[in-house]
Amino acid sequence: IEDWQTFFGIDISDELDDIDEISLYRCETSKLDFFTPASAAGSNQLYQKLQKLEWFYMEGKWEFEEAIIDLVGCKKILEIGCGPGFFVEKATRELKGSLVKGIELTESTLNRALKRKLPVERIDLSELVARGEIFDAVCSFQVLEHESQPRDFLQAMVQVLAPGGRLIVCVPNKESFLRYQYNLLDMPPHHMTRWNVTTLRFLQELFPLKLCRIKFEPLARYHIYGYVTAYGEYWRERFSLGRYFFSESMLRRLAEILEKSGLYRLLRGQSLYALFEKV
């Protein structure tokens, strides 16, 4: 709570009201990491506050470009948790002949999309299931990790997907440099689950899905410093002389070299992208 106030200027005390302890568990079968209790998940009010931070929603994302390629030929496309509608707008523009729709629950974020006349709606996924709408493709970018009940959420995604339809999910990779960071956004009340390749593959055991491909995000320029400091901290803790070889000045110099040379593009970034087909 103190760190959220310090780093983001956001008071999350109400989000964790009556919670004395938060635990992190791992499912030994799927290798999914999940936080409990489920009540620690952030409210819509939290996301109203977060969306005021200019970096919280980004207009251009690596996964958007990947999805546009995989969605060619899909006539009816749904994005779940569309935020201000950046992908909905892009897909509508680039996928000619496709009907693209977004759903979003945070009202202030949704209003940003509505002001731009984008086809978005404030509706819960379960309501969409009850309505009986079916789509050729369903997308979810950086949303699944926020869900405290991911199995129910994925089941609903599959229910609104037509047979042979494409399911696209993009999530932070817990085995990336994130595992060496103290990252407030990778724990409650923001993230409730942590994913890796094994977990994504395991979804085929639970749902009528066939995994078509998984891609790793190349390291983004804005993550270079976070990448080198994460691994720097890792090596500092493991070697007695690590604090000399991985000093703050050395890490800044390394980050500068990676950026100027373009070599950072050869490194693995933060996210995992998975394409499934409903069978």
Protein backbone atom coordinates (compact mmCIF):
# COMPACT_ATOMS: atom_id res chain seq x y z
CA ILE A 1 0.00 0.00 0.00
CA GLU A 2 2.84 2.38 0.86
CA ASP A 3 4.72 1.57 -2.34
CA TRP A 4 1.67 2.18 -4.53
CA GLN A 5 1.33 5.59 -2.94
CA THR A 6 5.04 6.31 -3.42
CA PHE A 7 5.45 5.11 -7.01
CA PHE A 8 2.03 5.79 -8.53
CA GLY A 9 0.40 8.29 -6.19
CA ILE A 10 -2.55 5.89 -5.82
CA ASP A 11 -4.16 4.85 -2.54
CA ILE A 12 -5.07 1.14 -2.73
CA SER A 13 -5.98 0.68 0.92
CA ASP A 14 -9.67 0.25 0.06
CA GLU A 15 -8.77 -2.44 -2.47
CA LEU A 16 -7.18 -4.58 0.25
CA ASP A 17 -9.62 -3.75 3.02
CA ASP A 18 -10.02 -6.62 5.53
CA ILE A 19 -7.19 -8.63 3.90
CA ASP A 20 -4.38 -9.42 6.33
CA GLU A 21 -2.30 -11.65 4.10
CA ILE A 22 -1.93 -12.42 0.39
CA SER A 23 -0.44 -15.76 -0.67
CA LEU A 24 1.10 -16.91 -3.94
CA TYR A 25 0.55 -20.53 -4.96
CA ARG A 26 1.58 -22.66 -7.94
CA CYS A 27 -0.56 -25.35 -9.52
CA GLU A 28 1.74 -28.37 -9.83
CA THR A 29 -0.13 -29.61 -12.91
CA SER A 30 -0.48 -26.47 -15.05
CA LYS A 31 2.38 -24.46 -13.46
CA LEU A 32 0.04 -21.47 -13.15
CA ASP A 33 0.99 -19.11 -10.33
CA PHE A 34 -2.03 -17.55 -8.63
CA PHE A 35 -2.62 -15.18 -5.74
CA THR A 36 -5.23 -15.65 -3.03
CA PRO A 37 -7.64 -14.50 -1.76
CA ALA A 38 -9.60 -13.71 -4.92
CA SER A 39 -11.00 -10.63 -3.21
CA ALA A 40 -7.58 -8.99 -3.62
CA ALA A 41 -8.34 -8.43 -7.31
CA GLY A 42 -8.55 -4.76 -8.28
CA SER A 43 -11.88 -3.01 -8.69
CA ASN A 44 -13.03 -0.88 -11.61
CA GLN A 45 -12.25 2.14 -9.43
CA LEU A 46 -8.58 1.10 -9.34
CA TYR A 47 -8.43 0.95 -13.13
CA GLN A 48 -10.12 4.32 -13.35
CA LYS A 49 -7.17 5.70 -11.38
CA LEU A 50 -4.54 3.74 -13.32
CA GLN A 51 -5.74 4.88 -16.73
CA LYS A 52 -4.80 8.44 -15.77
CA LEU A 53 -1.13 7.36 -15.95
CA GLU A 54 -0.03 8.17 -19.50
CA TRP A 55 1.88 4.89 -19.96
CA PHE A 56 -0.90 2.59 -18.75
CA TYR A 57 -2.56 2.23 -22.16
CA MET A 58 -0.27 2.21 -25.17
CA GLU A 59 -1.53 2.85 -28.67
CA GLY A 60 1.03 0.69 -30.44
CA LYS A 61 1.85 -2.78 -29.11
CA TRP A 62 3.86 -5.66 -30.52
CA GLU A 63 0.97 -8.08 -29.98
CA PHE A 64 -1.38 -5.90 -32.03
CA GLU A 65 0.80 -6.41 -35.09
CA GLU A 66 0.91 -10.17 -34.54
CA ALA A 67 -2.85 -10.37 -34.11
CA ILE A 68 -3.59 -8.45 -37.32
CA ILE A 69 -1.68 -11.12 -39.25
CA ASP A 70 -3.53 -13.98 -37.52
CA LEU A 71 -6.98 -12.42 -37.92
CA VAL A 72 -6.93 -12.13 -41.70
CA GLY A 73 -10.07 -13.81 -43.03
CA CYS A 74 -12.05 -13.56 -39.77
CA LYS A 75 -15.40 -11.87 -40.37
CA LYS A 76 -16.53 -11.17 -36.81
CA ILE A 77 -13.91 -10.30 -34.16
CA LEU A 78 -14.26 -9.57 -30.43
CA GLU A 79 -11.66 -7.93 -28.21
CA ILE A 80 -12.22 -8.43 -24.48
CA GLY A 81 -10.93 -5.63 -22.25
CA CYS A 82 -10.42 -3.27 -25.17
CA GLY A 83 -9.45 -0.26 -23.03
CA PRO A 84 -9.69 2.98 -25.04
CA GLY A 85 -10.05 0.97 -28.24
CA PHE A 86 -6.62 1.21 -29.84
CA PHE A 87 -6.71 -2.34 -31.23
CA VAL A 88 -10.38 -2.13 -32.23
CA GLU A 89 -9.56 0.98 -34.21
CA LYS A 90 -6.50 -0.61 -35.83
CA ALA A 91 -8.28 -3.86 -36.72
CA THR A 92 -11.29 -1.99 -38.13
CA ARG A 93 -8.97 0.04 -40.33
CA GLU A 94 -6.67 -2.76 -41.51
CA LEU A 95 -8.94 -5.81 -41.69
CA LYS A 96 -11.26 -4.70 -44.46
CA GLY A 97 -14.56 -6.55 -44.48
CA SER A 98 -14.26 -7.63 -40.83
CA LEU A 99 -16.74 -6.59 -38.15
CA VAL A 100 -14.70 -5.72 -35.05
CA LYS A 101 -16.20 -5.16 -31.59
CA GLY A 102 -14.69 -4.40 -28.20
CA ILE A 103 -16.03 -4.77 -24.66
CA GLU A 104 -14.72 -2.90 -21.62
CA LEU A 105 -15.95 -2.51 -18.03
CA THR A 106 -14.02 0.58 -16.86
CA GLU A 107 -16.41 3.40 -17.70
CA SER A 108 -13.94 6.27 -18.04
CA THR A 109 -11.75 4.16 -20.33
CA LEU A 110 -14.73 3.07 -22.40
CA ASN A 111 -15.80 6.69 -22.81
CA ARG A 112 -12.49 7.48 -24.50
CA ALA A 113 -13.33 4.89 -27.16
CA LEU A 114 -16.93 6.06 -27.51
CA LYS A 115 -15.79 9.62 -28.12
CA ARG A 116 -13.93 8.32 -31.17
CA LYS A 117 -17.10 6.57 -32.40
CA LEU A 118 -15.56 3.10 -32.01
CA PRO A 119 -17.76 -0.05 -31.84
CA VAL A 120 -17.32 -0.78 -28.12
CA GLU A 121 -19.77 -1.72 -25.39
CA ARG A 122 -19.77 -1.73 -21.59
CA ILE A 123 -20.79 -5.32 -20.92
CA ASP A 124 -19.42 -8.23 -18.93
CA LEU A 125 -18.24 -11.30 -20.85
CA SER A 126 -20.76 -13.50 -19.02
CA GLU A 127 -23.55 -11.24 -20.26
CA LEU A 128 -22.27 -11.66 -23.80
CA VAL A 129 -22.42 -15.44 -23.34
CA ALA A 130 -26.03 -15.18 -22.13
CA ARG A 131 -26.87 -13.06 -25.15
CA GLY A 132 -25.69 -15.87 -27.41
CA GLU A 133 -23.33 -13.85 -29.59
CA ILE A 134 -20.77 -15.89 -31.54
CA PHE A 135 -17.50 -14.65 -33.08
CA ASP A 136 -14.97 -15.99 -35.58
CA ALA A 137 -12.14 -14.70 -33.39
CA VAL A 138 -11.75 -13.61 -29.76
CA CYS A 139 -8.76 -11.57 -28.55
CA SER A 140 -7.54 -10.69 -25.09
CA PHE A 141 -4.39 -8.60 -24.68
CA GLN A 142 -2.87 -8.26 -21.19
CA VAL A 143 -6.20 -9.08 -19.52
CA LEU A 144 -6.09 -12.73 -18.44
CA GLU A 145 -3.49 -12.08 -15.73
CA HIS A 146 -5.94 -9.73 -13.98
CA GLU A 147 -8.58 -12.43 -13.57
CA SER A 148 -8.84 -14.16 -10.19
CA GLN A 149 -10.97 -16.92 -11.79
CA PRO A 150 -9.12 -17.52 -15.07
CA ARG A 151 -10.77 -20.86 -15.84
CA ASP A 152 -14.25 -19.31 -15.80
CA PHE A 153 -13.01 -16.41 -17.89
CA LEU A 154 -11.44 -18.70 -20.50
CA GLN A 155 -14.53 -20.91 -20.57
CA ALA A 156 -16.64 -17.87 -21.42
CA MET A 157 -14.19 -16.88 -24.16
CA VAL A 158 -14.49 -20.34 -25.69
CA GLN A 159 -18.29 -20.23 -25.46
CA VAL A 160 -18.56 -17.11 -27.62
CA LEU A 161 -16.11 -18.56 -30.18
CA ALA A 162 -17.37 -20.40 -33.25
CA PRO A 163 -16.03 -23.89 -34.05
CA GLY A 164 -12.81 -23.43 -35.99
CA GLY A 165 -12.54 -19.90 -34.61
CA ARG A 166 -9.32 -18.31 -33.43
CA LEU A 167 -8.53 -17.42 -29.82
CA ILE A 168 -5.66 -15.02 -29.21
CA VAL A 169 -4.27 -14.26 -25.75
CA CYS A 170 -1.25 -12.21 -24.78
CA VAL A 171 0.02 -12.28 -21.19
CA PRO A 172 3.17 -11.31 -19.29
CA ASN A 173 5.68 -14.17 -19.27
CA LYS A 174 6.55 -15.01 -15.66
CA GLU A 175 9.82 -16.57 -16.88
CA SER A 176 10.99 -13.34 -18.50
CA PHE A 177 13.02 -10.67 -16.72
CA LEU A 178 9.88 -10.04 -14.65
CA ARG A 179 10.86 -12.91 -12.34
CA TYR A 180 13.82 -10.92 -11.04
CA GLN A 181 11.94 -7.66 -10.48
CA TYR A 182 10.06 -6.24 -7.55
CA ASN A 183 7.14 -5.22 -9.74
CA LEU A 184 4.09 -3.76 -8.01
CA LEU A 185 1.97 -4.26 -11.13
CA ASP A 186 2.74 -7.99 -11.23
CA MET A 187 0.93 -8.70 -7.96
CA PRO A 188 -2.45 -7.88 -6.40
CA PRO A 189 -4.51 -5.83 -6.68
CA HIS A 190 -3.29 -5.54 -10.28
CA HIS A 191 -2.21 -9.03 -11.42
CA MET A 192 -3.81 -12.13 -9.89
CA THR A 193 -2.12 -14.84 -11.98
CA ARG A 194 1.26 -15.45 -13.64
CA TRP A 195 1.63 -17.38 -16.89
CA ASN A 196 4.30 -19.24 -18.84
CA VAL A 197 4.52 -21.47 -21.92
CA THR A 198 3.66 -24.62 -19.97
CA THR A 199 0.49 -23.06 -18.61
CA LEU A 200 -0.66 -21.87 -22.02
CA ARG A 201 -0.09 -25.31 -23.51
CA PHE A 202 -2.05 -26.88 -20.66
CA LEU A 203 -5.18 -25.01 -21.74
CA GLN A 204 -5.59 -27.68 -24.42
CA GLU A 205 -6.27 -30.16 -21.59
CA LEU A 206 -9.13 -28.07 -20.20
CA PHE A 207 -10.85 -26.65 -23.26
CA PRO A 208 -11.64 -27.67 -26.86
CA LEU A 209 -8.61 -25.76 -28.10
CA LYS A 210 -5.63 -26.57 -30.28
CA LEU A 211 -2.50 -24.48 -29.79
CA CYS A 212 -1.31 -23.21 -33.16
CA ARG A 213 1.70 -21.18 -32.05
CA ILE A 214 3.36 -19.27 -29.23
CA LYS A 215 5.58 -16.25 -29.81
CA PHE A 216 7.87 -14.38 -27.44
CA GLU A 217 7.85 -10.61 -27.51
CA PRO A 218 11.21 -9.11 -28.48
CA LEU A 219 12.54 -6.76 -25.81
CA ALA A 220 10.85 -3.38 -26.18
CA ARG A 221 12.99 -0.25 -26.11
CA TYR A 222 11.11 1.11 -23.10
CA HIS A 223 11.94 -2.08 -21.16
CA ILE A 224 15.70 -2.07 -21.76
CA TYR A 225 16.66 -0.49 -18.44
CA GLY A 226 14.22 -2.68 -16.53
CA TYR A 227 15.73 -5.74 -18.24
CA VAL A 228 19.35 -4.98 -17.37
CA THR A 229 18.56 -3.92 -13.79
CA ALA A 230 16.51 -7.08 -13.23
CA TYR A 231 19.35 -9.35 -14.32
CA GLY A 232 21.90 -7.11 -12.61
CA GLU A 233 20.10 -7.58 -9.32
CA TYR A 234 19.99 -11.34 -9.92
CA TRP A 235 23.76 -11.59 -10.40
CA ARG A 236 24.54 -9.17 -7.56
CA GLU A 237 22.76 -11.46 -5.14
CA ARG A 238 24.61 -14.57 -6.30
CA PHE A 239 28.24 -13.41 -6.44
CA SER A 240 30.21 -11.63 -3.73
CA LEU A 241 31.79 -9.30 -6.32
CA GLY A 242 28.55 -8.84 -8.19
CA ARG A 243 27.95 -5.38 -6.73
CA TYR A 244 31.15 -4.19 -8.44
CA PHE A 245 30.59 -5.79 -11.84
CA PHE A 246 26.89 -4.87 -11.90
CA SER A 247 26.95 -1.41 -10.36
CA GLU A 248 24.32 1.18 -11.23
CA SER A 249 26.69 3.01 -13.57
CA MET A 250 27.65 -0.22 -15.36
CA LEU A 251 24.02 -1.18 -15.86
CA ARG A 252 23.18 2.24 -17.27
CA ARG A 253 26.10 1.94 -19.67
CA LEU A 254 24.98 -1.53 -20.76
CA ALA A 255 21.43 -0.29 -21.34
CA GLU A 256 22.81 2.55 -23.47
CA ILE A 257 24.88 0.14 -25.57
CA LEU A 258 21.93 -2.20 -26.12
CA GLU A 259 19.72 0.68 -27.22
CA LYS A 260 22.19 2.43 -29.54
CA SER A 261 23.35 -0.80 -31.19
CA GLY A 262 19.84 -2.19 -31.60
CA LEU A 263 20.98 -5.46 -30.01
CA TYR A 264 18.10 -5.28 -27.54
CA ARG A 265 15.83 -6.54 -30.33
CA LEU A 266 17.56 -9.93 -30.09
CA LEU A 267 16.57 -10.34 -26.43
CA ARG A 268 13.34 -11.75 -25.07
CA GLY A 269 10.88 -9.21 -23.77
CA GLN A 270 8.03 -9.30 -21.32
CA SER A 271 5.07 -10.99 -23.01
CA LEU A 272 3.87 -14.29 -24.45
CA TYR A 273 1.48 -14.41 -27.42
CA ALA A 274 -0.59 -17.53 -28.07
CA LEU A 275 -2.89 -18.42 -30.97
CA PHE A 276 -5.44 -21.21 -30.47
CA GLU A 277 -8.09 -22.75 -32.68
CA LYS A 278 -11.39 -24.05 -31.32
CA VAL A 279 -11.90 -27.71 -32.18
